[in-house]
C-alpha atoms as a PDB file:
ATOM      1  CA  MET A   1       0.000   0.000   0.000  1.00  0.00           C
ATOM      2  CA  ASP A   2       1.330   3.442  -0.876  1.00  0.00           C
ATOM      3  CA  PHE A   3       0.750   6.223   1.627  1.00  0.00           C
ATOM      4  CA  THR A   4       1.825   9.782   2.219  1.00  0.00           C
ATOM      5  CA  ILE A   5       2.551  10.441   5.879  1.00  0.00           C
ATOM      6  CA  ALA A   6       1.576  13.976   6.869  1.00  0.00           C
ATOM      7  CA  PRO A   7       1.804  14.729  10.614  1.00  0.00           C
ATOM      8  CA  PRO A   8      -0.303  17.757  11.596  1.00  0.00           C
ATOM      9  CA  GLY A   9       1.634  20.991  11.189  1.00  0.00           C
ATOM     10  CA  ARG A  10       4.587  19.344   9.418  1.00  0.00           C
ATOM     11  CA  ILE A  11       5.722  18.980   5.820  1.00  0.00           C
ATOM     12  CA  PRO A  12       4.531  15.591   4.452  1.00  0.00           C
ATOM     13  CA  LEU A  13       7.066  12.875   3.756  1.00  0.00           C
ATOM     14  CA  ARG A  14       7.465  11.567   0.233  1.00  0.00           C
ATOM     15  CA  ARG A  15       4.914   8.960  -0.839  1.00  0.00           C
ATOM     16  CA  ARG A  16       6.210   5.478  -0.057  1.00  0.00           C
ATOM     17  CA  ARG A  17       5.090   1.885   0.266  1.00  0.00           C
ATOM     18  CA  PHE A  18       4.324   0.596   3.753  1.00  0.00           C
ATOM     19  CA  VAL A  19       3.459  -2.862   5.017  1.00  0.00           C
ATOM     20  CA  LEU A  20       1.518  -3.751   8.145  1.00  0.00           C
ATOM     21  CA  VAL A  21       3.638  -5.261  10.902  1.00  0.00           C
ATOM     22  CA  ASP A  22       2.863  -7.004  14.182  1.00  0.00           C
ATOM     23  CA  VAL A  23       4.653  -5.393  17.131  1.00  0.00           C
ATOM     24  CA  PRO A  24       4.343  -5.746  20.926  1.00  0.00           C
ATOM     25  CA  ASP A  25       3.203  -2.101  21.124  1.00  0.00           C
ATOM     26  CA  LEU A  26      -0.173  -3.182  19.748  1.00  0.00           C
ATOM     27  CA  ALA A  27      -0.797  -5.019  23.019  1.00  0.00           C
ATOM     28  CA  LEU A  28       0.888  -2.469  25.307  1.00  0.00           C
ATOM     29  CA  LEU A  29      -0.523   0.810  23.996  1.00  0.00           C
ATOM     30  CA  PRO A  30      -4.175   0.139  24.912  1.00  0.00           C
ATOM     31  CA  ILE A  31      -3.046  -0.617  28.479  1.00  0.00           C
ATOM     32  CA  ALA A  32      -1.034   2.620  28.689  1.00  0.00           C
ATOM     33  CA  LEU A  33      -3.669   4.707  26.866  1.00  0.00           C
ATOM     34  CA  PRO A  34      -7.124   3.380  27.833  1.00  0.00           C
ATOM     35  CA  ASN A  35      -8.990   5.962  25.694  1.00  0.00           C
ATOM     36  CA  LEU A  36      -7.168   4.812  22.560  1.00  0.00           C
ATOM     37  CA  ARG A  37      -9.701   3.569  19.999  1.00  0.00           C
ATOM     38  CA  SER A  38      -7.433   2.094  17.334  1.00  0.00           C
ATOM     39  CA  VAL A  39      -3.768   1.405  16.695  1.00  0.00           C
ATOM     40  CA  PHE A  40      -1.864   0.145  13.681  1.00  0.00           C
ATOM     41  CA  ALA A  41       1.826  -0.232  12.956  1.00  0.00           C
ATOM     42  CA  ARG A  42       3.460   0.006   9.559  1.00  0.00           C
ATOM     43  CA  ALA A  43       7.026  -0.228   8.357  1.00  0.00           C
ATOM     44  CA  GLY A  44       8.464   1.432   5.286  1.00  0.00           C
ATOM     45  CA  ILE A  45      11.896   1.446   3.702  1.00  0.00           C
ATOM     46  CA  GLU A  46      13.389   4.246   1.634  1.00  0.00           C
ATOM     47  CA  THR A  47      13.484   2.550  -1.766  1.00  0.00           C
ATOM     48  CA  ARG A  48      10.689   0.564  -3.385  1.00  0.00           C
ATOM     49  CA  LEU A  49      13.133  -2.178  -4.472  1.00  0.00           C
ATOM     50  CA  GLN A  50      14.252  -2.764  -0.875  1.00  0.00           C
ATOM     51  CA  GLN A  51      10.635  -2.859   0.318  1.00  0.00           C
ATOM     52  CA  GLN A  52       9.642  -5.342  -2.383  1.00  0.00           C
ATOM     53  CA  ALA A  53      12.625  -7.573  -1.555  1.00  0.00           C
ATOM     54  CA  LEU A  54      11.832  -7.636   2.169  1.00  0.00           C
ATOM     55  CA  THR A  55       8.146  -8.238   1.489  1.00  0.00           C
ATOM     56  CA  ALA A  56       9.059 -11.192  -0.738  1.00  0.00           C
ATOM     57  CA  LEU A  57      11.352 -12.613   1.945  1.00  0.00           C
ATOM     58  CA  ALA A  58       8.776 -12.260   4.725  1.00  0.00           C
END
């Protein structure tokens, strides 16, 4: 999936491909932040070729 990350009040990063990842934070964040409604984690690498290679190896 291609996304542009644009934090509020900041210049957006270049559009890049991200993949969903499973991290321990997904279990810990709701405990630390009880009002949190949803959480997702994604990882992205600088070049598309690197991302495609790691996705293929996963």
